[in-house]
Amino acid sequence: MESYAEQIVKIINQERKRRLLEKNDITKGYAEIFYDTVTFERKKLCNEQFSMILPVFFDVMKEEYVALKYCAENRPEFIYTNKELNINITFSFLCKKEITTDILEMQKEIEKEIKQINTDIVLIEKDILQTEEGTDIVHFLFPLDIKDTTLLQEFFIFSVNEKWVIGTFHCPYTQKRDWVNIIKQMLLSIHLEE
């Protein structure tokens, strides 16, 4: 049985977490990320096929940086980044016939592939999110070691206009505490354009 002091500490921690989540509600247009206030706005992405609430600092990555950062055969179709190029979100499209259409089966397949690429990967979170308009989004969140640095990697997939959208989000792992909740909010803000 919990003591009175333990119950008080638990309530204080829950309230602190609730206030942090409320403070970092991106639908209000801003969030505190790594000791800085970041402004958010809804942007139409990928030739205006859908929109999403993103940091205002995200812009299309310049071609010369794309060539340096991604090898040609595995290059995402759309890459949005900050000026420092250390926070990115990417999108690629696949015909639905190329992969399974069952979302639960897809989640299992993707998890298997992630763990085959790097057997040391420990998933922080895996889930199937659903936007207000009913779009299912499979997502996986995990640390990824690349060269001398560790990134927070988000891998996600959802459907738009009879195509699968496969995406990733990267940021420095040192910013994990702030981005974990914000990434989820960004995904839940996806709105399919008519």
Protein backbone atom coordinates (compact mmCIF):
# COMPACT_ATOMS: atom_id res chain seq x y z
CA MET A 1 0.00 0.00 0.00
CA GLU A 2 1.26 3.45 -0.95
CA SER A 3 2.02 5.88 1.83
CA TYR A 4 0.41 9.31 1.89
CA ALA A 5 3.74 10.90 0.86
CA GLU A 6 4.07 8.53 -2.12
CA GLN A 7 0.53 9.39 -3.22
CA ILE A 8 1.31 13.13 -3.01
CA VAL A 9 4.53 12.69 -5.06
CA LYS A 10 2.59 10.69 -7.65
CA ILE A 11 -0.08 13.41 -7.92
CA ILE A 12 2.57 16.13 -8.23
CA ASN A 13 4.36 14.19 -10.99
CA GLN A 14 1.09 13.60 -12.86
CA GLU A 15 0.23 17.30 -12.65
CA ARG A 16 3.72 18.27 -13.86
CA LYS A 17 3.37 15.90 -16.83
CA ARG A 18 -0.14 17.24 -17.61
CA ARG A 19 1.14 20.84 -17.60
CA LEU A 20 4.09 19.93 -19.86
CA LEU A 21 1.76 18.22 -22.35
CA GLU A 22 -0.61 21.19 -22.27
CA LYS A 23 2.27 23.63 -22.73
CA ASN A 24 3.49 21.63 -25.74
CA ASP A 25 0.15 21.40 -27.52
CA ILE A 26 1.21 22.20 -31.11
CA THR A 27 -2.36 23.03 -32.12
CA LYS A 28 -1.89 26.23 -30.07
CA GLY A 29 0.87 27.21 -32.51
CA TYR A 30 3.98 26.75 -30.37
CA ALA A 31 5.85 24.33 -28.11
CA GLU A 32 8.90 24.38 -25.85
CA ILE A 33 11.59 22.21 -27.45
CA PHE A 34 15.09 21.91 -26.06
CA TYR A 35 14.84 25.18 -24.11
CA ASP A 36 13.50 27.14 -27.08
CA THR A 37 9.99 28.18 -28.12
CA VAL A 38 9.22 26.72 -31.55
CA THR A 39 6.35 28.03 -33.67
CA PHE A 40 4.15 25.49 -35.50
CA GLU A 41 1.80 25.88 -38.46
CA ARG A 42 -0.24 23.66 -40.75
CA LYS A 43 1.58 23.05 -44.04
CA LYS A 44 0.45 21.33 -47.23
CA LEU A 45 3.03 18.68 -48.10
CA CYS A 46 4.06 16.36 -50.93
CA ASN A 47 2.47 18.30 -53.79
CA GLU A 48 -0.43 19.23 -51.49
CA GLN A 49 -1.68 15.64 -51.06
CA PHE A 50 -2.06 16.13 -47.31
CA SER A 51 -1.34 18.71 -44.65
CA MET A 52 0.31 18.43 -41.26
CA ILE A 53 1.20 20.72 -38.37
CA LEU A 54 4.98 21.20 -38.49
CA PRO A 55 7.56 23.59 -37.06
CA VAL A 56 7.70 26.75 -39.18
CA PHE A 57 11.45 26.24 -39.61
CA PHE A 58 10.87 23.15 -41.77
CA ASP A 59 11.54 23.79 -45.43
CA VAL A 60 12.28 21.59 -48.46
CA MET A 61 15.88 20.33 -48.22
CA LYS A 62 18.09 21.80 -50.93
CA GLU A 63 19.19 19.34 -53.62
CA GLU A 64 22.92 19.68 -52.86
CA TYR A 65 22.28 18.64 -49.24
CA VAL A 66 19.98 15.80 -50.29
CA ALA A 67 22.80 14.37 -52.43
CA LEU A 68 25.21 14.52 -49.48
CA LYS A 69 22.84 13.11 -46.88
CA TYR A 70 21.04 10.35 -48.81
CA CYS A 71 22.32 7.81 -51.31
CA ALA A 72 20.51 7.98 -54.65
CA GLU A 73 18.70 4.62 -54.55
CA ASN A 74 17.26 5.07 -51.04
CA ARG A 75 16.45 8.76 -51.28
CA PRO A 76 13.01 9.83 -50.00
CA GLU A 77 10.83 11.70 -52.48
CA PHE A 78 10.14 14.63 -50.14
CA ILE A 79 12.49 15.90 -47.42
CA TYR A 80 11.76 18.80 -45.09
CA THR A 81 14.41 20.03 -42.67
CA ASN A 82 15.64 22.84 -40.43
CA LYS A 83 18.59 25.13 -41.32
CA GLU A 84 21.07 23.02 -39.34
CA LEU A 85 19.90 19.87 -41.23
CA ASN A 86 19.73 17.92 -37.96
CA ILE A 87 15.93 17.67 -37.72
CA ASN A 88 14.20 16.14 -40.76
CA ILE A 89 10.91 14.67 -41.81
CA THR A 90 10.72 12.63 -45.02
CA PHE A 91 7.99 11.09 -47.16
CA SER A 92 7.97 8.50 -49.97
CA PHE A 93 5.03 6.93 -51.80
CA LEU A 94 4.34 3.29 -52.72
CA CYS A 95 1.48 1.77 -54.65
CA LYS A 96 -0.82 -0.10 -52.23
CA LYS A 97 -0.41 -3.28 -54.26
CA GLU A 98 3.33 -3.36 -53.46
CA ILE A 99 2.74 -4.11 -49.77
CA THR A 100 -0.01 -5.63 -47.65
CA THR A 101 -3.14 -3.60 -47.00
CA ASP A 102 -3.85 -4.96 -43.50
CA ILE A 103 -2.58 -2.38 -41.01
CA LEU A 104 -1.89 -4.90 -38.20
CA GLU A 105 0.02 -7.19 -40.55
CA MET A 106 1.95 -4.20 -41.86
CA GLN A 107 2.92 -3.22 -38.30
CA LYS A 108 4.36 -6.72 -37.72
CA GLU A 109 6.24 -6.70 -41.04
CA ILE A 110 7.76 -3.28 -40.44
CA GLU A 111 8.87 -4.17 -36.91
CA LYS A 112 10.50 -7.34 -38.26
CA GLU A 113 12.33 -5.34 -40.96
CA ILE A 114 13.51 -2.69 -38.48
CA LYS A 115 14.95 -5.39 -36.22
CA GLN A 116 16.61 -7.15 -39.18
CA ILE A 117 18.39 -3.93 -40.18
CA ASN A 118 19.82 -3.50 -36.68
CA THR A 119 19.40 -6.29 -34.13
CA ASP A 120 20.37 -3.93 -31.28
CA ILE A 121 17.40 -1.61 -31.82
CA VAL A 122 15.16 -1.24 -28.80
CA LEU A 123 11.78 0.26 -29.64
CA ILE A 124 10.78 3.15 -27.39
CA GLU A 125 7.25 3.08 -28.73
CA LYS A 126 5.18 1.32 -31.37
CA ASP A 127 1.55 1.97 -31.98
CA ILE A 128 -1.22 2.47 -34.49
CA LEU A 129 -2.51 6.02 -34.20
CA GLN A 130 -5.77 7.27 -35.69
CA THR A 131 -6.37 10.86 -36.76
CA GLU A 132 -9.67 12.63 -36.12
CA GLU A 133 -10.72 11.90 -39.71
CA GLY A 134 -9.97 8.18 -39.28
CA THR A 135 -6.58 7.80 -40.99
CA ASP A 136 -4.60 4.93 -39.41
CA ILE A 137 -0.88 5.59 -38.91
CA VAL A 138 1.55 2.83 -37.95
CA HIS A 139 4.52 4.34 -36.14
CA PHE A 140 7.74 3.17 -34.48
CA LEU A 141 10.06 5.27 -32.34
CA PHE A 142 13.61 4.16 -31.52
CA PRO A 143 17.20 5.37 -31.06
CA LEU A 144 19.41 4.97 -34.12
CA ASP A 145 23.22 5.10 -34.00
CA ILE A 146 24.79 6.67 -37.10
CA LYS A 147 28.54 7.21 -37.14
CA ASP A 148 29.40 9.20 -34.01
CA THR A 149 25.89 10.27 -33.08
CA THR A 150 22.59 8.89 -31.87
CA LEU A 151 19.34 10.04 -33.45
CA LEU A 152 15.76 9.71 -32.34
CA GLN A 153 14.16 7.91 -35.32
CA GLU A 154 10.45 7.84 -36.01
CA PHE A 155 9.25 5.55 -38.80
CA PHE A 156 5.62 5.84 -39.89
CA ILE A 157 3.26 4.75 -42.65
CA PHE A 158 -0.27 5.76 -43.63
CA SER A 159 -2.50 5.76 -46.70
CA VAL A 160 -3.32 8.67 -49.05
CA ASN A 161 -5.21 8.39 -52.37
CA GLU A 162 -4.66 4.65 -52.84
CA LYS A 163 -0.95 4.95 -52.01
CA TRP A 164 1.07 4.23 -48.91
CA VAL A 165 3.05 7.13 -47.51
CA ILE A 166 6.22 5.95 -45.79
CA GLY A 167 7.90 8.54 -43.64
CA THR A 168 10.66 9.15 -41.15
CA PHE A 169 11.45 11.81 -38.60
CA HIS A 170 14.96 12.37 -37.21
CA CYS A 171 16.27 14.63 -34.47
CA PRO A 172 19.23 14.52 -32.07
CA TYR A 173 18.60 11.94 -29.36
CA THR A 174 19.47 14.58 -26.76
CA GLN A 175 16.13 16.23 -27.66
CA LYS A 176 14.12 13.00 -27.16
CA ARG A 177 12.24 14.18 -24.07
CA ASP A 178 10.68 17.08 -25.96
CA TRP A 179 10.13 15.51 -29.39
CA VAL A 180 8.51 12.18 -28.38
CA ASN A 181 5.14 13.76 -27.64
CA ILE A 182 5.42 16.37 -30.40
CA ILE A 183 6.09 13.78 -33.12
CA LYS A 184 2.91 11.97 -32.13
CA GLN A 185 0.95 15.25 -32.24
CA MET A 186 2.40 16.01 -35.68
CA LEU A 187 1.27 12.61 -36.99
CA LEU A 188 -2.18 12.98 -35.45
CA SER A 189 -2.51 16.37 -37.21
CA ILE A 190 -2.34 14.77 -40.68
CA HIS A 191 -5.26 15.88 -42.79
CA LEU A 192 -5.92 14.47 -46.25
CA GLU A 193 -6.47 17.19 -48.85
CA GLU A 194 -9.34 16.94 -51.33
